[in-house]
Protein backbone atom coordinates (compact mmCIF):
# COMPACT_ATOMS: atom_id res chain seq x y z
CA MET A 1 10.71 -0.28 -16.95
CA MET A 2 9.92 -2.11 -13.48
CA LEU A 3 11.65 -1.07 -10.21
CA LEU A 4 12.84 -3.18 -7.84
CA ILE A 5 12.37 -2.64 -3.21
CA ASP A 6 14.09 -4.34 -1.21
CA ALA A 7 12.40 -2.41 2.15
CA GLY A 8 15.12 -4.30 5.19
CA ASN A 9 14.12 -4.06 9.79
CA THR A 10 16.12 -0.21 8.40
CA ARG A 11 16.88 1.10 5.00
CA ILE A 12 15.14 0.42 1.73
CA LYS A 13 17.61 -0.44 -1.70
CA ILE A 14 15.29 0.49 -5.14
CA GLY A 15 16.81 -0.13 -8.35
CA TRP A 16 15.55 -0.92 -11.43
CA VAL A 17 15.03 -3.78 -14.16
CA LYS A 18 14.85 -3.65 -17.61
CA PRO A 19 12.58 -6.75 -18.87
CA ASP A 20 13.11 -7.26 -22.03
CA THR A 21 16.68 -6.46 -22.10
CA GLY A 22 18.29 -7.29 -18.11
CA GLU A 23 19.87 -3.75 -18.64
CA ARG A 24 20.40 -2.54 -14.63
CA GLU A 25 20.57 0.44 -12.14
CA THR A 26 24.40 1.28 -11.70
CA GLN A 27 23.68 2.69 -7.97
CA ALA A 28 20.49 1.17 -6.43
CA LEU A 29 18.45 4.00 -4.13
CA ALA A 30 19.56 3.69 -0.89
CA LEU A 31 16.40 5.14 1.78
CA GLU A 32 16.24 5.11 5.75
CA HIS A 33 12.69 4.36 5.97
CA GLY A 34 11.95 7.74 7.46
CA ALA A 35 13.33 9.43 4.03
CA LEU A 36 11.23 8.38 1.29
CA GLU A 37 9.88 11.74 0.18
CA GLN A 38 13.35 11.74 -1.11
CA LEU A 39 12.56 8.82 -3.60
CA PRO A 40 10.36 11.44 -7.01
CA ALA A 41 13.40 14.11 -6.76
CA TRP A 42 15.24 9.68 -8.08
CA LEU A 43 12.80 8.28 -10.23
CA GLN A 44 12.42 11.67 -12.46
CA GLN A 45 15.70 11.05 -12.74
CA LEU A 46 15.13 7.72 -14.77
CA ASP A 47 15.38 7.78 -18.32
CA ASP A 48 12.19 5.61 -18.52
CA ARG A 49 8.87 5.65 -16.89
CA PRO A 50 8.17 2.49 -14.53
CA ARG A 51 5.36 -0.04 -15.12
CA ALA A 52 5.79 -2.13 -12.34
CA ALA A 53 6.98 -2.61 -9.69
CA LEU A 54 8.35 -5.81 -7.98
CA GLY A 55 9.66 -5.68 -4.08
CA VAL A 56 9.98 -7.64 -0.67
CA SER A 57 9.94 -6.09 2.53
CA VAL A 58 10.48 -7.51 5.54
CA ALA A 59 9.81 -3.70 7.84
CA GLN A 60 6.99 -3.04 9.34
CA PRO A 61 3.90 -3.39 6.78
CA GLY A 62 3.15 0.98 7.18
CA VAL A 63 5.99 0.86 4.74
CA ALA A 64 4.84 -1.15 2.23
CA ALA A 65 2.40 0.64 2.09
CA SER A 66 3.79 4.53 1.87
CA LEU A 67 5.53 3.16 -0.67
CA ASP A 68 2.50 1.80 -2.60
CA ALA A 69 0.90 4.83 -1.82
CA LEU A 70 3.76 6.61 -3.57
CA LEU A 71 3.83 4.50 -6.44
CA GLN A 72 0.37 5.00 -6.40
CA ARG A 73 0.17 9.07 -7.15
CA HIS A 74 2.81 9.56 -9.66
CA TYR A 75 2.71 6.21 -11.49
CA ALA A 76 -1.42 4.45 -11.06
CA PHE A 77 0.08 0.91 -9.82
CA ALA A 78 1.69 -0.43 -6.79
CA ALA A 79 4.82 -2.77 -6.29
CA ARG A 80 4.08 -6.94 -6.57
CA TRP A 81 4.91 -8.42 -2.73
CA ILE A 82 6.66 -11.44 -2.65
CA GLN A 83 7.48 -13.71 -0.67
CA GLY A 84 8.77 -16.76 -0.46
CA GLU A 85 7.25 -20.15 -2.92
CA PRO A 86 7.74 -23.92 -3.50
CA GLN A 87 9.70 -23.23 -7.49
CA ALA A 88 11.11 -20.53 -9.00
CA ALA A 89 13.71 -18.92 -11.58
CA GLY A 90 15.67 -22.05 -11.21
CA VAL A 91 15.68 -22.92 -7.30
CA ARG A 92 13.70 -25.76 -5.42
CA ASN A 93 12.81 -24.30 -1.38
CA ALA A 94 13.29 -26.76 0.72
CA TYR A 95 11.50 -24.93 3.71
CA ASP A 96 8.60 -27.01 5.54
CA MET A 97 6.65 -23.70 5.44
CA PRO A 98 8.02 -22.23 2.07
CA ALA A 99 5.92 -19.16 3.05
CA GLN A 100 7.26 -19.30 6.17
CA LEU A 101 10.93 -18.38 4.74
CA GLY A 102 11.64 -14.46 4.74
CA ALA A 103 10.72 -12.82 1.21
CA ASP A 104 14.40 -10.81 1.08
CA ARG A 105 16.22 -14.67 1.83
CA TRP A 106 14.19 -15.46 -1.27
CA ALA A 107 15.07 -13.33 -3.40
CA SER A 108 18.38 -13.66 -2.59
CA MET A 109 19.01 -17.33 -3.02
CA LEU A 110 17.44 -16.45 -6.21
CA GLY A 111 19.84 -13.89 -7.64
CA LEU A 112 22.93 -15.94 -5.88
CA VAL A 113 22.09 -18.46 -8.27
CA GLN A 114 24.11 -16.18 -11.24
CA ARG A 115 27.43 -16.28 -9.37
CA ALA A 116 27.66 -19.63 -9.82
CA THR A 117 30.10 -20.94 -12.15
CA ARG A 118 30.77 -24.22 -11.33
CA ASP A 119 29.63 -27.76 -9.89
CA THR A 120 29.90 -26.45 -5.71
CA PRO A 121 27.56 -25.07 -3.15
CA LEU A 122 26.98 -20.90 -2.50
CA MET A 123 26.47 -19.79 0.78
CA LEU A 124 25.46 -15.80 0.94
CA ALA A 125 25.66 -14.13 4.46
CA SER A 126 24.13 -11.30 4.55
CA PHE A 127 24.86 -9.25 7.87
CA GLY A 128 22.24 -6.98 8.89
CA THR A 129 20.05 -5.98 11.90
CA ALA A 130 19.84 -10.07 11.75
CA THR A 131 22.62 -12.59 10.42
CA THR A 132 21.29 -15.26 7.81
CA LEU A 133 23.79 -17.90 6.26
CA ASP A 134 21.63 -19.51 3.75
CA THR A 135 23.42 -22.78 1.17
CA LEU A 136 22.19 -23.14 -2.37
CA SER A 137 23.29 -26.08 -3.12
CA PRO A 138 22.90 -27.90 -6.78
CA ILE A 139 20.03 -29.90 -8.35
CA HIS A 140 20.99 -33.52 -10.21
CA ASP A 141 18.48 -35.41 -8.97
CA THR A 142 16.13 -35.30 -12.09
CA ALA A 143 13.28 -35.73 -10.16
CA MET A 144 12.90 -31.65 -9.10
CA PRO A 145 12.01 -31.11 -12.67
CA GLY A 146 12.55 -27.34 -13.79
CA ALA A 147 14.50 -26.89 -10.70
CA ARG A 148 18.49 -26.05 -10.96
CA PHE A 149 19.64 -25.53 -6.96
CA LEU A 150 18.31 -26.50 -3.93
CA PHE A 151 18.03 -23.31 -0.93
CA GLU A 152 18.56 -26.47 1.54
CA GLY A 153 17.68 -23.42 4.72
CA GLY A 154 19.85 -21.52 6.77
CA LEU A 155 20.79 -19.60 10.28
CA ILE A 156 19.37 -16.90 11.77
CA PHE A 157 20.53 -14.32 14.63
CA PRO A 158 21.47 -11.41 16.08
CA GLY A 159 23.84 -9.35 13.80
CA PRO A 160 26.36 -7.86 15.30
CA ALA A 161 24.98 -3.87 15.19
CA LEU A 162 22.46 -5.42 17.50
CA MET A 163 24.46 -7.02 19.54
CA LEU A 164 26.85 -4.73 19.95
CA SER A 165 22.90 -2.91 21.62
CA SER A 166 22.08 -5.64 23.76
CA LEU A 167 24.97 -5.68 25.43
CA ALA A 168 24.73 -1.91 25.85
CA ALA A 169 21.75 -2.07 27.00
CA GLY A 170 21.23 -5.26 29.04
CA THR A 171 23.97 -4.72 31.44
CA ALA A 172 24.97 -2.19 33.47
CA ARG A 173 28.44 -1.68 32.38
CA LEU A 174 29.06 -2.56 29.33
CA PRO A 175 29.74 0.36 26.58
CA GLN A 176 28.16 0.24 22.71
CA ALA A 177 32.11 -0.26 22.49
CA ASN A 178 33.71 0.05 18.90
CA GLY A 179 37.83 -1.61 19.61
CA PRO A 180 39.71 -3.27 17.00
CA ILE A 181 39.63 -6.77 17.20
CA ALA A 182 42.75 -9.25 19.14
CA ALA A 183 43.58 -12.65 19.68
CA TYR A 184 43.26 -11.87 23.64
CA PRO A 185 42.07 -8.35 24.09
CA THR A 186 43.22 -6.07 26.82
CA HIS A 187 40.81 -3.34 27.63
CA THR A 188 37.13 -3.46 27.14
CA HIS A 189 35.78 -1.84 24.26
CA GLN A 190 38.00 -3.76 22.59
CA ALA A 191 36.93 -7.71 24.36
CA ILE A 192 33.45 -6.59 22.97
CA SER A 193 34.11 -5.92 19.15
CA SER A 194 36.49 -9.02 18.77
CA GLY A 195 33.59 -11.39 20.60
CA ILE A 196 31.11 -10.17 18.44
CA ALA A 197 33.30 -10.55 15.69
CA ALA A 198 34.90 -13.86 16.63
CA ALA A 199 30.57 -15.00 16.52
CA GLN A 200 29.62 -13.59 13.83
CA ALA A 201 32.87 -15.81 12.05
CA GLY A 202 32.73 -19.29 14.44
CA ALA A 203 29.19 -19.57 12.66
CA LEU A 204 29.54 -18.47 8.78
CA LEU A 205 32.60 -21.15 9.32
CA ARG A 206 30.07 -23.87 10.65
CA GLN A 207 28.27 -23.26 8.06
CA TRP A 208 30.96 -24.23 5.35
CA ARG A 209 32.25 -26.79 7.49
CA GLU A 210 28.92 -28.66 7.17
CA GLY A 211 28.55 -27.94 3.12
CA LEU A 212 31.55 -29.75 2.91
CA GLU A 213 31.23 -32.57 4.85
CA ARG A 214 27.57 -32.26 3.41
CA HIS A 215 28.74 -32.14 -0.62
CA GLY A 216 32.21 -33.23 -0.53
CA CYS A 217 33.63 -29.84 -1.71
CA ALA A 218 34.29 -26.42 -0.16
CA PRO A 219 30.86 -23.04 -0.77
CA ALA A 220 31.93 -20.46 -2.65
CA VAL A 221 31.27 -17.79 -0.12
CA PHE A 222 29.22 -14.39 -0.36
CA SER A 223 29.01 -11.56 1.48
CA THR A 224 26.57 -8.65 2.27
CA GLY A 225 24.68 -6.11 4.64
CA GLY A 226 26.17 -2.87 6.71
CA GLY A 227 27.77 -4.85 9.13
CA TRP A 228 29.86 -6.97 6.78
CA THR A 229 32.39 -3.79 7.46
CA ILE A 230 32.56 -4.62 11.33
CA VAL A 231 33.64 -8.90 11.07
CA GLU A 232 34.90 -8.55 7.41
CA GLU A 233 39.03 -9.04 8.90
CA GLU A 234 38.57 -12.15 11.20
CA ALA A 235 35.42 -13.45 8.74
CA GLN A 236 38.26 -13.67 6.10
CA ARG A 237 41.08 -14.71 8.28
CA THR A 238 38.98 -16.93 9.81
CA LEU A 239 37.94 -19.12 5.58
CA ALA A 240 41.32 -18.59 5.31
CA ARG A 241 42.36 -20.71 7.99
CA ALA A 242 40.73 -22.90 7.70
CA GLN A 243 40.98 -23.75 4.02
CA ALA A 244 45.20 -24.05 4.52
CA ASP A 245 44.03 -26.38 7.66
CA LEU A 246 42.02 -29.20 5.12
CA GLY A 247 44.02 -28.42 1.96
CA VAL A 248 41.08 -26.52 0.34
CA PRO A 249 41.62 -23.71 -2.50
CA GLN A 250 41.99 -20.41 -0.82
CA ASP A 251 38.52 -18.66 -2.12
CA PRO A 252 37.72 -15.17 0.12
CA ILE A 253 34.31 -14.37 0.81
CA GLN A 254 32.96 -12.03 -2.43
CA TRP A 255 31.27 -9.01 -0.94
CA LEU A 256 27.50 -8.95 -3.61
CA ARG A 257 26.39 -5.32 -3.42
CA ALA A 258 22.37 -6.09 -3.70
CA PRO A 259 21.72 -9.85 -4.10
CA VAL A 260 18.19 -9.44 -3.21
CA LEU A 261 17.46 -6.55 -5.91
CA ASP A 262 19.56 -9.15 -8.32
CA GLY A 263 16.83 -11.56 -7.18
CA LEU A 264 13.84 -9.73 -7.85
CA ALA A 265 15.38 -8.73 -11.49
CA ARG A 266 15.91 -12.56 -12.40
CA LEU A 267 11.74 -12.87 -11.68
CA ALA A 268 11.11 -9.76 -13.60
CA VAL A 269 13.37 -11.10 -16.21
CA GLU A 270 12.08 -14.75 -16.19
CA SER A 271 8.08 -13.93 -16.11
């Protein structure tokens, strides 16, 4: 058994995989950074002893160090922390400097490949502390041996919760809003919530249209991250309207529980 670790900006997700069979956890463990003391009890409930750990971390360096120290105490090994690479698990990285790509985004792309069901691009919208919108496209170029998909790049901008908190912190009279989404808001809480949802959905639609124009077919869109509930209604509605206007088949955004862990599991199985 190999542990899989996704150390994000606000939370840590931990799962596992058995590389010989591909068997995975049914429910990942999610912890706040300050709650690592809960991890040993979860580890003790596993039906097999972990032999290694594979992880990504975009958190402060001390988080990965604390995880390594805990694993050393209990299992006498530290995690192998991956970074962006030029190519792995059938995916080519188009970043100018592959190592500059966030390890969480790279792992998510490796996990997204398993969602491919047809010869179309794939988009992942991750609504975390930051929102990222990343695209994978099928590769037909024989000059790229071993690669089936190309990570084309993507956008990074503040996530829904960060937009909310920055408005509250950076203005004198705007509140930390929580209101329903409306086309024409009539009070401040509603105006802020609607504006943030519209901004997030608008960026998603922009990348979807870019993929449609570049590849001649609409990308399949997937979502993940704790901020999805804030923007889900607006994002689904905006995309469905665009699909109808352009005569594209209706294909709703599909939620993914843990694409980073999915990518780490692929690396563990294929390495």
